[in-house]
Amino acid sequence: MTKNVVTVNATESIFHVAQTMREQTTATLVVLEDEKPVGILTERDFVRKALANNLNPVQTKVLEIMSKPLLSANPDASIGEAARIMVDNKIRRLPIVEGDRLVGIITAVDLARYLSKITHEMGGKVNWVGTLWNAILRNAAR
């Protein structure tokens, strides 16, 4: 989990926010209103909602293109619970929120790192491909 999450205000212009993303070298920002996390803004939101619709970046506010409502997990959630939320909702980033306070974010890369660590600790003897394939087949049968 990344604890230092870059955040932006919902009323900021997407032009200003794009500069923040470049300066912070991040593709994801958690959007705040009154210091509470309310949405998420990704590069994908910029492409699909702003650029594809020819929106003026100086006049368009973050709240117009952010993804909402914010899908999140609490800090006590297991890795399995977090992964399930991400898979069920087809998202790659999951903010971790305690009450109304953002405490971190889990990404698909974090989950892959964890899987790699477990595999390494088990001596690489786990057939993850077969396990994942079986899980995909079980979910497809739902």
N, C-alpha and C. Protein backbone atom coordinates (compact mmCIF):
# COMPACT_ATOMS: atom_id res chain seq x y z
N MET A 1 0.85 -1.17 0.00
CA MET A 1 0.00 0.00 0.00
C MET A 1 0.89 1.23 0.00
N THR A 2 0.51 2.19 -0.79
CA THR A 2 1.19 3.48 -0.81
C THR A 2 0.49 4.39 0.18
N LYS A 3 1.25 4.95 1.11
CA LYS A 3 0.65 5.81 2.12
C LYS A 3 0.62 7.28 1.72
N ASN A 4 1.57 7.70 0.89
CA ASN A 4 1.63 9.09 0.45
C ASN A 4 0.87 9.23 -0.87
N VAL A 5 -0.43 9.42 -0.76
CA VAL A 5 -1.29 9.50 -1.94
C VAL A 5 -1.42 10.97 -2.36
N VAL A 6 -1.27 11.21 -3.65
CA VAL A 6 -1.44 12.57 -4.16
C VAL A 6 -2.93 12.84 -4.28
N THR A 7 -3.35 13.98 -3.73
CA THR A 7 -4.77 14.34 -3.75
C THR A 7 -4.96 15.70 -4.43
N VAL A 8 -6.20 15.92 -4.88
CA VAL A 8 -6.56 17.20 -5.47
C VAL A 8 -7.95 17.59 -5.01
N ASN A 9 -8.25 18.86 -5.13
CA ASN A 9 -9.57 19.36 -4.78
C ASN A 9 -10.50 19.19 -5.98
N ALA A 10 -11.74 18.84 -5.71
CA ALA A 10 -12.72 18.58 -6.78
C ALA A 10 -12.99 19.80 -7.65
N THR A 11 -12.72 20.99 -7.15
CA THR A 11 -13.03 22.20 -7.91
C THR A 11 -11.86 22.73 -8.73
N GLU A 12 -10.72 22.05 -8.67
CA GLU A 12 -9.57 22.48 -9.46
C GLU A 12 -9.80 22.21 -10.94
N SER A 13 -9.15 23.00 -11.78
CA SER A 13 -9.25 22.77 -13.22
C SER A 13 -8.43 21.53 -13.59
N ILE A 14 -8.89 20.83 -14.61
CA ILE A 14 -8.15 19.64 -15.03
C ILE A 14 -6.80 20.02 -15.65
N PHE A 15 -6.67 21.24 -16.14
CA PHE A 15 -5.38 21.72 -16.65
C PHE A 15 -4.36 21.75 -15.51
N HIS A 16 -4.74 22.35 -14.40
CA HIS A 16 -3.86 22.43 -13.23
C HIS A 16 -3.54 21.03 -12.71
N VAL A 17 -4.53 20.17 -12.68
CA VAL A 17 -4.36 18.81 -12.17
C VAL A 17 -3.45 17.99 -13.07
N ALA A 18 -3.54 18.19 -14.37
CA ALA A 18 -2.65 17.48 -15.30
C ALA A 18 -1.20 17.87 -15.02
N GLN A 19 -0.96 19.11 -14.69
CA GLN A 19 0.39 19.55 -14.34
C GLN A 19 0.85 18.89 -13.04
N THR A 20 -0.06 18.78 -12.09
CA THR A 20 0.26 18.10 -10.83
C THR A 20 0.64 16.65 -11.08
N MET A 21 -0.12 15.98 -11.95
CA MET A 21 0.17 14.58 -12.27
C MET A 21 1.55 14.45 -12.89
N ARG A 22 1.89 15.36 -13.78
CA ARG A 22 3.21 15.33 -14.42
C ARG A 22 4.31 15.57 -13.39
N GLU A 23 4.14 16.59 -12.54
CA GLU A 23 5.15 16.93 -11.54
C GLU A 23 5.33 15.82 -10.52
N GLN A 24 4.25 15.18 -10.13
CA GLN A 24 4.30 14.12 -9.11
C GLN A 24 4.55 12.74 -9.72
N THR A 25 4.66 12.68 -11.03
CA THR A 25 4.82 11.43 -11.78
C THR A 25 3.85 10.35 -11.30
N THR A 26 2.58 10.70 -11.35
CA THR A 26 1.53 9.77 -10.96
C THR A 26 0.43 9.76 -12.00
N ALA A 27 -0.23 8.63 -12.14
CA ALA A 27 -1.33 8.50 -13.09
C ALA A 27 -2.68 8.52 -12.38
N THR A 28 -2.64 8.66 -11.05
CA THR A 28 -3.86 8.59 -10.26
C THR A 28 -3.85 9.63 -9.15
N LEU A 29 -4.99 10.28 -8.99
CA LEU A 29 -5.16 11.25 -7.90
C LEU A 29 -6.47 10.93 -7.19
N VAL A 30 -6.47 11.02 -5.88
CA VAL A 30 -7.71 10.89 -5.13
C VAL A 30 -8.27 12.30 -4.98
N VAL A 31 -9.57 12.43 -5.24
CA VAL A 31 -10.24 13.72 -5.25
C VAL A 31 -10.91 13.96 -3.89
N LEU A 32 -10.67 15.17 -3.35
CA LEU A 32 -11.22 15.54 -2.05
C LEU A 32 -12.23 16.67 -2.17
N GLU A 33 -13.24 16.61 -1.33
CA GLU A 33 -14.17 17.72 -1.11
C GLU A 33 -14.25 17.90 0.40
N ASP A 34 -13.94 19.10 0.87
CA ASP A 34 -13.92 19.36 2.32
C ASP A 34 -13.03 18.34 3.04
N GLU A 35 -11.86 18.04 2.45
CA GLU A 35 -10.87 17.12 3.02
C GLU A 35 -11.33 15.67 3.07
N LYS A 36 -12.48 15.34 2.47
CA LYS A 36 -12.97 13.97 2.45
C LYS A 36 -12.82 13.39 1.05
N PRO A 37 -12.33 12.15 0.93
CA PRO A 37 -12.20 11.53 -0.39
C PRO A 37 -13.57 11.22 -0.99
N VAL A 38 -13.78 11.71 -2.22
CA VAL A 38 -15.09 11.55 -2.87
C VAL A 38 -15.00 10.93 -4.27
N GLY A 39 -13.81 10.84 -4.82
CA GLY A 39 -13.66 10.30 -6.17
C GLY A 39 -12.21 10.02 -6.47
N ILE A 40 -11.98 9.53 -7.67
CA ILE A 40 -10.61 9.24 -8.12
C ILE A 40 -10.49 9.73 -9.55
N LEU A 41 -9.32 10.23 -9.89
CA LEU A 41 -9.07 10.75 -11.23
C LEU A 41 -7.84 10.06 -11.78
N THR A 42 -7.98 9.46 -12.96
CA THR A 42 -6.88 8.74 -13.58
C THR A 42 -6.62 9.31 -14.97
N GLU A 43 -5.49 8.91 -15.53
CA GLU A 43 -5.20 9.31 -16.91
C GLU A 43 -6.30 8.85 -17.85
N ARG A 44 -6.87 7.70 -17.55
CA ARG A 44 -7.95 7.17 -18.38
C ARG A 44 -9.16 8.11 -18.37
N ASP A 45 -9.47 8.71 -17.22
CA ASP A 45 -10.56 9.68 -17.13
C ASP A 45 -10.28 10.87 -18.04
N PHE A 46 -9.03 11.34 -18.05
CA PHE A 46 -8.66 12.44 -18.93
C PHE A 46 -8.93 12.10 -20.39
N VAL A 47 -8.50 10.92 -20.80
CA VAL A 47 -8.63 10.52 -22.21
C VAL A 47 -10.10 10.33 -22.59
N ARG A 48 -10.81 9.52 -21.82
CA ARG A 48 -12.18 9.16 -22.20
C ARG A 48 -13.22 10.25 -21.95
N LYS A 49 -13.01 11.04 -20.91
CA LYS A 49 -14.04 12.00 -20.54
C LYS A 49 -13.71 13.44 -20.95
N ALA A 50 -12.44 13.79 -20.97
CA ALA A 50 -12.06 15.16 -21.32
C ALA A 50 -11.61 15.29 -22.77
N LEU A 51 -10.55 14.58 -23.11
CA LEU A 51 -10.01 14.70 -24.48
C LEU A 51 -10.99 14.21 -25.54
N ALA A 52 -11.59 13.06 -25.32
CA ALA A 52 -12.51 12.49 -26.31
C ALA A 52 -13.75 13.37 -26.51
N ASN A 53 -14.07 14.20 -25.51
CA ASN A 53 -15.23 15.08 -25.61
C ASN A 53 -14.83 16.53 -25.87
N ASN A 54 -13.54 16.74 -26.17
CA ASN A 54 -13.01 18.06 -26.50
C ASN A 54 -13.35 19.11 -25.44
N LEU A 55 -13.22 18.74 -24.17
CA LEU A 55 -13.51 19.68 -23.09
C LEU A 55 -12.35 20.65 -22.92
N ASN A 56 -12.65 21.88 -22.58
CA ASN A 56 -11.64 22.90 -22.35
C ASN A 56 -10.96 22.61 -21.00
N PRO A 57 -9.67 22.31 -21.00
CA PRO A 57 -9.00 21.91 -19.76
C PRO A 57 -8.91 23.02 -18.71
N VAL A 58 -8.94 24.27 -19.13
CA VAL A 58 -8.86 25.38 -18.18
C VAL A 58 -10.22 25.59 -17.50
N GLN A 59 -11.29 25.35 -18.23
CA GLN A 59 -12.63 25.59 -17.68
C GLN A 59 -13.25 24.36 -17.02
N THR A 60 -12.79 23.18 -17.38
CA THR A 60 -13.37 21.94 -16.85
C THR A 60 -12.81 21.64 -15.47
N LYS A 61 -13.70 21.35 -14.55
CA LYS A 61 -13.31 21.03 -13.17
C LYS A 61 -13.16 19.53 -12.99
N VAL A 62 -12.35 19.14 -12.04
CA VAL A 62 -12.10 17.74 -11.73
C VAL A 62 -13.41 17.01 -11.49
N LEU A 63 -14.33 17.62 -10.74
CA LEU A 63 -15.58 16.95 -10.40
C LEU A 63 -16.40 16.57 -11.62
N GLU A 64 -16.13 17.19 -12.77
CA GLU A 64 -16.87 16.88 -14.00
C GLU A 64 -16.39 15.59 -14.67
N ILE A 65 -15.13 15.19 -14.41
CA ILE A 65 -14.62 14.00 -15.09
C ILE A 65 -14.13 12.90 -14.15
N MET A 66 -14.12 13.17 -12.85
CA MET A 66 -13.62 12.14 -11.92
C MET A 66 -14.56 10.94 -11.89
N SER A 67 -14.00 9.79 -11.51
CA SER A 67 -14.81 8.59 -11.33
C SER A 67 -15.40 8.63 -9.93
N LYS A 68 -16.69 8.45 -9.86
CA LYS A 68 -17.40 8.46 -8.57
C LYS A 68 -18.60 7.55 -8.67
N PRO A 69 -19.12 7.04 -7.59
CA PRO A 69 -18.65 7.26 -6.23
C PRO A 69 -17.31 6.56 -6.01
N LEU A 70 -16.61 6.99 -5.00
CA LEU A 70 -15.31 6.41 -4.68
C LEU A 70 -15.48 5.01 -4.12
N LEU A 71 -14.87 4.05 -4.77
CA LEU A 71 -14.82 2.68 -4.24
C LEU A 71 -13.59 2.60 -3.36
N SER A 72 -13.75 2.09 -2.15
CA SER A 72 -12.63 2.05 -1.22
C SER A 72 -12.75 0.85 -0.30
N ALA A 73 -11.71 0.65 0.49
CA ALA A 73 -11.70 -0.39 1.52
C ALA A 73 -11.18 0.25 2.80
N ASN A 74 -11.46 -0.38 3.92
CA ASN A 74 -10.93 0.15 5.18
C ASN A 74 -9.59 -0.52 5.47
N PRO A 75 -8.81 0.08 6.36
CA PRO A 75 -7.47 -0.46 6.64
C PRO A 75 -7.47 -1.88 7.20
N ASP A 76 -8.58 -2.33 7.76
CA ASP A 76 -8.65 -3.68 8.32
C ASP A 76 -8.98 -4.75 7.28
N ALA A 77 -9.28 -4.34 6.06
CA ALA A 77 -9.63 -5.30 5.01
C ALA A 77 -8.42 -6.19 4.70
N SER A 78 -8.71 -7.46 4.42
CA SER A 78 -7.63 -8.37 4.03
C SER A 78 -7.22 -8.08 2.59
N ILE A 79 -6.08 -8.61 2.21
CA ILE A 79 -5.64 -8.48 0.82
C ILE A 79 -6.66 -9.14 -0.10
N GLY A 80 -7.20 -10.26 0.32
CA GLY A 80 -8.22 -10.95 -0.48
C GLY A 80 -9.46 -10.10 -0.67
N GLU A 81 -9.90 -9.42 0.38
CA GLU A 81 -11.08 -8.55 0.26
C GLU A 81 -10.79 -7.38 -0.68
N ALA A 82 -9.62 -6.79 -0.55
CA ALA A 82 -9.25 -5.68 -1.43
C ALA A 82 -9.19 -6.14 -2.89
N ALA A 83 -8.58 -7.30 -3.10
CA ALA A 83 -8.49 -7.84 -4.46
C ALA A 83 -9.88 -8.12 -5.02
N ARG A 84 -10.77 -8.65 -4.20
CA ARG A 84 -12.13 -8.96 -4.65
C ARG A 84 -12.86 -7.69 -5.08
N ILE A 85 -12.73 -6.61 -4.31
CA ILE A 85 -13.35 -5.33 -4.68
C ILE A 85 -12.81 -4.87 -6.02
N MET A 86 -11.49 -4.99 -6.20
CA MET A 86 -10.87 -4.54 -7.44
C MET A 86 -11.33 -5.37 -8.63
N VAL A 87 -11.36 -6.68 -8.46
CA VAL A 87 -11.78 -7.57 -9.55
C VAL A 87 -13.26 -7.37 -9.88
N ASP A 88 -14.10 -7.35 -8.85
CA ASP A 88 -15.55 -7.21 -9.07
C ASP A 88 -15.91 -5.91 -9.77
N ASN A 89 -15.13 -4.85 -9.50
CA ASN A 89 -15.44 -3.54 -10.06
C ASN A 89 -14.52 -3.14 -11.22
N LYS A 90 -13.64 -4.07 -11.60
CA LYS A 90 -12.72 -3.84 -12.72
C LYS A 90 -11.93 -2.54 -12.55
N ILE A 91 -11.33 -2.40 -11.36
CA ILE A 91 -10.50 -1.22 -11.08
C ILE A 91 -9.09 -1.68 -10.74
N ARG A 92 -8.13 -0.80 -10.98
CA ARG A 92 -6.72 -1.13 -10.73
C ARG A 92 -6.15 -0.43 -9.51
N ARG A 93 -6.95 0.46 -8.93
CA ARG A 93 -6.48 1.22 -7.77
C ARG A 93 -7.61 1.28 -6.75
N LEU A 94 -7.28 1.05 -5.48
CA LEU A 94 -8.30 1.03 -4.44
C LEU A 94 -7.84 1.88 -3.26
N PRO A 95 -8.45 3.06 -3.10
CA PRO A 95 -8.11 3.88 -1.94
C PRO A 95 -8.49 3.18 -0.63
N ILE A 96 -7.68 3.40 0.38
CA ILE A 96 -7.94 2.86 1.71
C ILE A 96 -8.37 4.05 2.58
N VAL A 97 -9.59 3.94 3.10
CA VAL A 97 -10.20 5.06 3.82
C VAL A 97 -10.63 4.59 5.21
N GLU A 98 -10.28 5.39 6.21
CA GLU A 98 -10.69 5.12 7.58
C GLU A 98 -11.59 6.28 8.01
N GLY A 99 -12.88 5.98 8.17
CA GLY A 99 -13.84 7.05 8.45
C GLY A 99 -13.94 7.93 7.22
N ASP A 100 -13.59 9.20 7.38
CA ASP A 100 -13.56 10.14 6.25
C ASP A 100 -12.13 10.51 5.87
N ARG A 101 -11.15 9.72 6.33
CA ARG A 101 -9.75 10.06 6.13
C ARG A 101 -9.06 9.06 5.20
N LEU A 102 -8.43 9.58 4.16
CA LEU A 102 -7.64 8.76 3.24
C LEU A 102 -6.35 8.36 3.93
N VAL A 103 -6.06 7.04 3.97
CA VAL A 103 -4.84 6.59 4.63
C VAL A 103 -3.86 5.92 3.67
N GLY A 104 -4.30 5.63 2.44
CA GLY A 104 -3.40 5.01 1.48
C GLY A 104 -4.15 4.56 0.24
N ILE A 105 -3.44 3.84 -0.62
CA ILE A 105 -4.04 3.30 -1.84
C ILE A 105 -3.33 2.00 -2.19
N ILE A 106 -4.10 1.02 -2.62
CA ILE A 106 -3.56 -0.26 -3.08
C ILE A 106 -3.73 -0.30 -4.59
N THR A 107 -2.69 -0.75 -5.28
CA THR A 107 -2.76 -0.85 -6.74
C THR A 107 -2.59 -2.30 -7.18
N ALA A 108 -2.90 -2.54 -8.43
CA ALA A 108 -2.70 -3.88 -8.99
C ALA A 108 -1.24 -4.28 -8.90
N VAL A 109 -0.34 -3.33 -9.01
CA VAL A 109 1.09 -3.61 -8.88
C VAL A 109 1.41 -4.07 -7.46
N ASP A 110 0.79 -3.45 -6.46
CA ASP A 110 0.99 -3.89 -5.07
C ASP A 110 0.58 -5.35 -4.91
N LEU A 111 -0.56 -5.72 -5.50
CA LEU A 111 -1.03 -7.11 -5.41
C LEU A 111 -0.07 -8.07 -6.12
N ALA A 112 0.45 -7.65 -7.27
CA ALA A 112 1.41 -8.49 -8.00
C ALA A 112 2.70 -8.66 -7.19
N ARG A 113 3.16 -7.57 -6.54
CA ARG A 113 4.35 -7.66 -5.69
C ARG A 113 4.13 -8.65 -4.55
N TYR A 114 2.95 -8.58 -3.94
CA TYR A 114 2.63 -9.48 -2.83
C TYR A 114 2.61 -10.93 -3.31
N LEU A 115 2.01 -11.18 -4.45
CA LEU A 115 1.96 -12.52 -5.02
C LEU A 115 3.37 -13.02 -5.32
N SER A 116 4.21 -12.15 -5.86
CA SER A 116 5.60 -12.51 -6.15
C SER A 116 6.35 -12.87 -4.87
N LYS A 117 6.13 -12.08 -3.83
CA LYS A 117 6.79 -12.33 -2.54
C LYS A 117 6.37 -13.69 -1.97
N ILE A 118 5.08 -13.97 -2.00
CA ILE A 118 4.59 -15.25 -1.48
C ILE A 118 5.16 -16.41 -2.28
N THR A 119 5.16 -16.28 -3.59
CA THR A 119 5.70 -17.33 -4.46
C THR A 119 7.17 -17.58 -4.13
N HIS A 120 7.93 -16.49 -3.97
CA HIS A 120 9.35 -16.61 -3.65
C HIS A 120 9.55 -17.30 -2.30
N GLU A 121 8.74 -16.89 -1.31
CA GLU A 121 8.85 -17.49 0.03
C GLU A 121 8.51 -18.98 0.02
N MET A 122 7.68 -19.40 -0.92
CA MET A 122 7.31 -20.81 -1.02
C MET A 122 8.25 -21.56 -1.95
N GLY A 123 9.33 -20.93 -2.32
CA GLY A 123 10.32 -21.57 -3.17
C GLY A 123 9.88 -21.69 -4.61
N GLY A 124 8.90 -20.88 -5.01
CA GLY A 124 8.43 -20.90 -6.39
C GLY A 124 7.71 -22.17 -6.77
N LYS A 125 7.23 -22.92 -5.77
CA LYS A 125 6.63 -24.22 -6.04
C LYS A 125 5.12 -24.19 -6.22
N VAL A 126 4.54 -23.02 -6.27
CA VAL A 126 3.09 -22.91 -6.42
C VAL A 126 2.76 -22.73 -7.90
N ASN A 127 1.83 -23.49 -8.39
CA ASN A 127 1.39 -23.37 -9.78
C ASN A 127 0.35 -22.26 -9.87
N TRP A 128 0.83 -21.00 -9.89
CA TRP A 128 -0.09 -19.86 -9.91
C TRP A 128 -0.89 -19.80 -11.19
N VAL A 129 -0.30 -20.17 -12.31
CA VAL A 129 -1.02 -20.11 -13.58
C VAL A 129 -2.24 -21.03 -13.53
N GLY A 130 -2.03 -22.25 -13.08
CA GLY A 130 -3.15 -23.19 -12.97
C GLY A 130 -4.19 -22.72 -11.97
N THR A 131 -3.73 -22.20 -10.84
CA THR A 131 -4.64 -21.70 -9.81
C THR A 131 -5.46 -20.53 -10.34
N LEU A 132 -4.79 -19.59 -11.01
CA LEU A 132 -5.51 -18.44 -11.57
C LEU A 132 -6.48 -18.87 -12.67
N TRP A 133 -6.06 -19.80 -13.50
CA TRP A 133 -6.93 -20.28 -14.58
C TRP A 133 -8.19 -20.92 -14.00
N ASN A 134 -8.03 -21.72 -12.96
CA ASN A 134 -9.18 -22.35 -12.32
C ASN A 134 -10.11 -21.30 -11.71
N ALA A 135 -9.55 -20.26 -11.13
CA ALA A 135 -10.36 -19.19 -10.56
C ALA A 135 -11.13 -18.45 -11.64
N ILE A 136 -10.49 -18.24 -12.78
CA ILE A 136 -11.16 -17.56 -13.90
C ILE A 136 -12.32 -18.42 -14.39
N LEU A 137 -12.09 -19.71 -14.52
CA LEU A 137 -13.15 -20.60 -14.98
C LEU A 137 -14.32 -20.64 -13.99
N ARG A 138 -14.02 -20.65 -12.70
CA ARG A 138 -15.09 -20.64 -11.68
C ARG A 138 -15.91 -19.36 -11.78
N ASN A 139 -15.23 -18.22 -11.95
CA ASN A 139 -15.94 -16.94 -12.05
C ASN A 139 -16.75 -16.84 -13.32
N ALA A 140 -16.25 -17.42 -14.40
CA ALA A 140 -16.96 -17.37 -15.67
C ALA A 140 -18.26 -18.19 -15.59
N ALA A 141 -18.27 -19.21 -14.74
CA ALA A 141 -19.44 -20.06 -14.61
C ALA A 141 -20.55 -19.41 -13.77
N ARG A 142 -20.25 -18.31 -13.11
CA ARG A 142 -21.24 -17.63 -12.27
C ARG A 142 -22.39 -17.10 -13.06
